Amino acid sequence: MSLKAKITEAAEALKNKLQDQPKLALILGSGLGPLADELEEATKITYTDLPYFPQPTVEGHAGQFVSGRLHGIPVLAMQGRYHYYEGYSLEQVTFPVRVLKAIGIKTLIVTNAAGGVNESYKPGELMLIQDHINWMGQNPLIGPNDATLGARFPDMSEVYDAKLRKIARETAASLDIKLNEGVYCAVTGPSYETPAEVRMIRTLGGDAVGMSTVPEAIIARHGGMKVLGISCITNAASGILDQPLSHDEVIETSERVKETFIQLVKAIVKAIR
């Protein structure tokens, strides 16, 4: 079966479970899923209830869509995502974004937990993604291209929409929330980076590093969607502080800053309307 046929089948199945047409979608990263609990009139749709959606395996990723309203605006949140390091192909990792596009989503807010490479960043701070570096050694667009899904050679000069970033900056300022702005570097994982690799990323211009987001953003732009990206800096990257890294720290920091994160994203959604 072709990718287009799979997308169409999954999109029809998802639409049949939605009460409203969402205006935008959110992808919620490790520990950031509680934002979906803020949705009013919420309906939960388990990924595995949809065709071609496997079950995420990572702690902090519930594995479901949550459909509801924020400030009266219909939105669709992904509580959890798929990762390349779980053994999925990048086609599988980005399949949900293809489906979101197929049901009519035009704006995507993608979030993640990331390690701070920029030494001025502190755990618990947020970073607006200005641009990214794809250091995964793979691209989700490799292979045959269906022109009905997007161009063979899509422009990536502005992956993260400038107008949406302006709204995010102004919203954060109005709430007195510190919002760094920088470059997100995506690596495959699942091992954390070595101190030498972190120095390399810093030399290349990266401010934060993580194991997601970039494939999703590429596919979203391939499909003509507008993208806004926000990272929660959950830890200093390897070698910056003299301490080991762990996923428990990621979840713990995400939990500590979730109220600030939720407040910011809800206000951004209201401003985008």
Protein backbone atom coordinates (compact mmCIF):
# COMPACT_ATOMS: atom_id res chain seq x y z
CA MET A 1 0.00 0.00 0.00
CA SER A 2 1.29 3.48 -0.86
CA LEU A 3 2.10 6.09 1.78
CA LYS A 4 -0.67 8.31 0.39
CA ALA A 5 -3.22 5.51 0.78
CA LYS A 6 -2.15 4.87 4.37
CA ILE A 7 -2.37 8.59 5.19
CA THR A 8 -5.86 8.80 3.66
CA GLU A 9 -7.11 5.78 5.59
CA ALA A 10 -5.68 6.96 8.92
CA ALA A 11 -6.93 10.52 8.37
CA GLU A 12 -10.49 9.29 7.72
CA ALA A 13 -10.37 7.16 10.85
CA LEU A 14 -9.16 10.11 12.93
CA LYS A 15 -11.70 12.56 11.49
CA ASN A 16 -14.51 10.17 12.32
CA LYS A 17 -13.50 10.35 15.99
CA LEU A 18 -13.31 14.17 16.16
CA GLN A 19 -16.21 16.39 17.15
CA ASP A 20 -14.68 19.62 15.79
CA GLN A 21 -12.28 20.52 13.02
CA PRO A 22 -9.06 21.50 14.86
CA LYS A 23 -7.47 24.83 13.93
CA LEU A 24 -4.02 23.77 15.06
CA ALA A 25 -2.16 20.80 16.47
CA LEU A 26 0.35 20.34 19.28
CA ILE A 27 3.02 17.66 19.62
CA LEU A 28 3.89 17.30 23.29
CA GLY A 29 7.32 15.94 24.18
CA SER A 30 8.73 14.05 27.18
CA GLY A 31 7.06 15.18 30.38
CA LEU A 32 5.08 17.90 28.59
CA GLY A 33 1.93 15.84 28.05
CA PRO A 34 0.01 17.48 30.95
CA LEU A 35 -0.81 20.39 28.65
CA ALA A 36 -3.35 18.11 26.96
CA ASP A 37 -5.12 17.77 30.31
CA GLU A 38 -5.96 21.49 30.06
CA LEU A 39 -8.19 20.94 27.03
CA GLU A 40 -11.91 21.48 27.63
CA GLU A 41 -14.54 19.09 26.23
CA ALA A 42 -11.69 16.63 25.71
CA THR A 43 -11.89 13.42 23.72
CA LYS A 44 -9.01 10.93 23.88
CA ILE A 45 -8.06 8.77 20.91
CA THR A 46 -5.44 6.10 21.50
CA TYR A 47 -2.88 5.89 18.69
CA THR A 48 -3.32 2.16 18.38
CA ASP A 49 -7.04 2.67 17.67
CA LEU A 50 -5.98 4.21 14.35
CA PRO A 51 -4.56 2.31 11.37
CA TYR A 52 -0.75 2.32 10.98
CA PHE A 53 -0.15 3.97 14.38
CA PRO A 54 2.13 1.88 16.65
CA GLN A 55 2.34 2.33 20.44
CA PRO A 56 5.11 4.69 21.70
CA THR A 57 7.49 2.97 24.09
CA VAL A 58 9.07 5.90 25.95
CA GLU A 59 8.18 6.94 29.50
CA GLY A 60 6.36 10.26 29.53
CA HIS A 61 4.65 9.59 26.18
CA ALA A 62 1.03 8.54 26.73
CA GLY A 63 0.42 7.57 23.12
CA GLN A 64 -2.88 9.30 22.35
CA PHE A 65 -4.50 12.22 20.61
CA VAL A 66 -6.50 14.56 22.79
CA SER A 67 -9.11 16.64 20.99
CA GLY A 68 -10.63 19.63 22.75
CA ARG A 69 -10.59 23.40 23.15
CA LEU A 70 -8.14 25.94 24.51
CA HIS A 71 -9.71 29.38 25.03
CA GLY A 72 -12.60 28.08 22.93
CA ILE A 73 -10.29 27.22 20.03
CA PRO A 74 -10.52 23.65 18.68
CA VAL A 75 -7.09 22.02 18.95
CA LEU A 76 -5.68 18.54 18.64
CA ALA A 77 -2.81 17.51 20.91
CA MET A 78 -0.48 14.56 20.50
CA GLN A 79 0.34 13.23 23.97
CA GLY A 80 3.56 11.50 23.02
CA ARG A 81 5.43 10.93 19.78
CA TYR A 82 7.51 8.30 17.99
CA HIS A 83 11.31 8.40 17.90
CA TYR A 84 13.83 7.07 15.42
CA TYR A 85 15.75 5.40 18.26
CA GLU A 86 12.73 3.25 19.11
CA GLY A 87 13.40 1.37 15.89
CA TYR A 88 10.75 3.07 13.79
CA SER A 89 11.58 4.34 10.32
CA LEU A 90 11.42 8.11 9.82
CA GLU A 91 8.34 7.49 7.68
CA GLN A 92 6.68 5.99 10.76
CA VAL A 93 8.05 8.72 13.05
CA THR A 94 6.55 11.45 10.86
CA PHE A 95 3.37 9.62 9.80
CA PRO A 96 1.22 11.44 12.41
CA VAL A 97 2.27 14.80 10.94
CA ARG A 98 1.21 13.60 7.49
CA VAL A 99 -2.16 12.63 8.96
CA LEU A 100 -2.54 15.99 10.72
CA LYS A 101 -1.98 17.73 7.41
CA ALA A 102 -4.49 15.43 5.72
CA ILE A 103 -7.26 16.34 8.20
CA GLY A 104 -6.74 20.03 7.48
CA ILE A 105 -4.27 21.19 10.14
CA LYS A 106 -2.33 24.22 8.90
CA THR A 107 -0.39 25.21 12.03
CA LEU A 108 1.74 22.87 14.13
CA ILE A 109 3.26 23.67 17.53
CA VAL A 110 5.95 21.11 18.30
CA THR A 111 7.58 20.81 21.71
CA ASN A 112 10.38 18.75 23.18
CA ALA A 113 12.64 18.22 26.15
CA ALA A 114 16.22 19.13 25.26
CA GLY A 115 19.68 19.38 26.72
CA GLY A 116 21.14 22.86 27.01
CA VAL A 117 24.28 23.24 24.89
CA ASN A 118 24.37 27.01 25.25
CA GLU A 119 26.10 27.46 28.61
CA SER A 120 23.90 30.45 29.48
CA TYR A 121 20.79 28.22 29.53
CA LYS A 122 19.63 26.84 32.85
CA PRO A 123 17.54 23.68 33.40
CA GLY A 124 13.89 24.65 33.54
CA GLU A 125 14.16 27.47 31.01
CA LEU A 126 12.36 27.45 27.67
CA MET A 127 13.88 27.94 24.22
CA LEU A 128 12.03 29.13 21.14
CA ILE A 129 13.43 27.20 18.17
CA GLN A 130 14.77 29.67 15.62
CA ASP A 131 16.31 27.06 13.34
CA HIS A 132 17.60 23.51 13.47
CA ILE A 133 20.52 21.30 12.55
CA ASN A 134 19.65 17.82 11.32
CA TRP A 135 22.49 15.69 12.74
CA MET A 136 20.55 12.43 12.57
CA GLY A 137 22.25 11.19 9.41
CA GLN A 138 18.82 10.63 7.87
CA ASN A 139 16.03 12.67 6.28
CA PRO A 140 12.36 11.64 6.28
CA LEU A 141 12.01 12.74 2.65
CA ILE A 142 14.52 10.20 1.31
CA GLY A 143 12.82 7.89 -1.17
CA PRO A 144 10.13 8.35 -3.82
CA ASN A 145 8.32 11.68 -3.61
CA ASP A 146 4.57 12.02 -4.04
CA ALA A 147 4.07 15.49 -5.50
CA THR A 148 0.58 15.66 -4.01
CA LEU A 149 2.19 15.64 -0.55
CA GLY A 150 4.86 18.24 -1.30
CA ALA A 151 7.74 19.29 -3.53
CA ARG A 152 10.67 17.00 -4.25
CA PHE A 153 13.09 19.65 -2.97
CA PRO A 154 11.23 21.69 -0.33
CA ASP A 155 12.64 25.02 0.84
CA MET A 156 13.93 24.95 4.43
CA SER A 157 15.09 28.56 4.70
CA GLU A 158 12.37 29.27 7.28
CA VAL A 159 11.25 26.04 8.90
CA TYR A 160 9.99 27.80 12.04
CA ASP A 161 7.57 30.53 11.00
CA ALA A 162 8.84 34.06 11.70
CA LYS A 163 5.37 35.47 12.45
CA LEU A 164 4.62 32.68 14.92
CA ARG A 165 7.99 33.21 16.60
CA LYS A 166 7.19 36.92 16.94
CA ILE A 167 3.87 36.05 18.60
CA ALA A 168 5.67 33.64 20.95
CA ARG A 169 8.27 36.24 21.95
CA GLU A 170 5.66 38.92 22.57
CA THR A 171 3.45 36.51 24.51
CA ALA A 172 6.33 35.38 26.72
CA ALA A 173 7.28 39.00 27.41
CA SER A 174 3.70 39.87 28.38
CA LEU A 175 3.71 36.99 30.87
CA ASP A 176 7.20 37.80 32.16
CA ILE A 177 8.41 34.36 31.11
CA LYS A 178 12.03 34.05 30.06
CA LEU A 179 12.15 32.65 26.54
CA ASN A 180 15.55 31.99 25.02
CA GLU A 181 15.78 31.70 21.25
CA GLY A 182 18.24 29.42 19.56
CA VAL A 183 19.14 26.51 17.30
CA TYR A 184 17.99 22.96 18.07
CA CYS A 185 20.27 20.13 17.00
CA ALA A 186 18.66 16.73 16.45
CA VAL A 187 20.64 13.52 17.03
CA THR A 188 19.44 9.93 16.87
CA GLY A 189 19.98 8.84 20.48
CA PRO A 190 19.13 6.89 22.52
CA SER A 191 22.52 7.36 24.20
CA TYR A 192 23.14 10.86 25.45
CA GLU A 193 25.85 12.88 23.75
CA THR A 194 29.47 12.72 24.87
CA PRO A 195 31.18 15.90 26.08
CA ALA A 196 33.15 15.96 22.80
CA GLU A 197 29.94 15.73 20.78
CA VAL A 198 28.42 18.57 22.79
CA ARG A 199 31.48 20.72 22.06
CA MET A 200 31.05 19.87 18.37
CA ILE A 201 27.37 20.85 18.44
CA ARG A 202 28.25 24.14 20.14
CA THR A 203 30.93 24.82 17.51
CA LEU A 204 28.39 24.13 14.75
CA GLY A 205 26.01 26.69 16.26
CA GLY A 206 23.63 24.52 18.26
CA ASP A 207 22.09 25.87 21.46
CA ALA A 208 20.10 22.78 22.49
CA VAL A 209 20.22 19.11 21.57
CA GLY A 210 17.54 16.43 21.49
CA MET A 211 16.29 13.30 19.74
CA SER A 212 13.09 14.45 18.03
CA THR A 213 11.27 17.38 16.39
CA VAL A 214 13.42 17.90 13.29
CA PRO A 215 11.94 15.05 11.19
CA GLU A 216 8.44 16.22 12.15
CA ALA A 217 9.25 19.84 11.27
CA ILE A 218 10.70 18.83 7.90
CA ILE A 219 7.57 16.86 7.00
CA ALA A 220 5.31 19.67 8.21
CA ARG A 221 7.10 22.16 5.97
CA HIS A 222 7.07 19.66 3.10
CA GLY A 223 3.29 19.69 3.45
CA GLY A 224 3.05 23.48 3.66
CA MET A 225 2.23 23.70 7.36
CA LYS A 226 3.39 26.58 9.56
CA VAL A 227 5.59 25.40 12.42
CA LEU A 228 6.39 26.82 15.85
CA GLY A 229 8.90 24.95 18.02
CA ILE A 230 9.56 25.25 21.76
CA SER A 231 12.13 23.29 23.77
CA CYS A 232 12.09 22.78 27.51
CA ILE A 233 15.72 22.79 28.64
CA THR A 234 15.60 19.91 31.10
CA ASN A 235 19.32 19.50 31.76
CA ALA A 236 22.74 20.87 30.89
CA ALA A 237 24.22 18.79 28.08
CA SER A 238 27.05 16.36 28.78
CA GLY A 239 30.31 17.89 29.98
CA ILE A 240 28.86 21.25 31.02
CA LEU A 241 28.19 20.16 34.59
CA ASP A 242 30.08 17.42 36.38
CA GLN A 243 27.12 15.06 36.71
CA PRO A 244 25.63 12.10 34.81
CA LEU A 245 22.53 12.46 32.63
CA SER A 246 19.32 10.49 33.02
CA HIS A 247 15.79 10.38 31.63
CA ASP A 248 14.50 10.68 35.20
CA GLU A 249 16.04 14.17 35.32
CA VAL A 250 14.27 15.05 32.06
CA ILE A 251 10.88 14.03 33.46
CA GLU A 252 11.56 15.67 36.83
CA THR A 253 12.51 19.03 35.28
CA SER A 254 9.56 18.91 32.87
CA GLU A 255 7.28 18.34 35.84
CA ARG A 256 8.80 21.30 37.68
CA VAL A 257 8.27 23.76 34.82
CA LYS A 258 5.03 22.39 33.41
CA GLU A 259 2.90 25.22 34.81
CA THR A 260 5.05 27.86 33.11
CA PHE A 261 5.11 25.86 29.89
CA ILE A 262 1.34 25.34 29.92
CA GLN A 263 0.72 29.01 30.65
CA LEU A 264 2.91 30.08 27.73
CA VAL A 265 1.53 27.66 25.16
CA LYS A 266 -2.09 28.38 26.09
CA ALA A 267 -1.45 32.12 25.69
CA ILE A 268 0.27 31.56 22.34
CA VAL A 269 -2.68 29.53 21.08
CA LYS A 270 -5.01 32.35 22.13
CA ALA A 271 -2.82 34.92 20.36
CA ILE A 272 -2.63 32.87 17.14
CA ARG A 273 -6.41 32.66 16.81
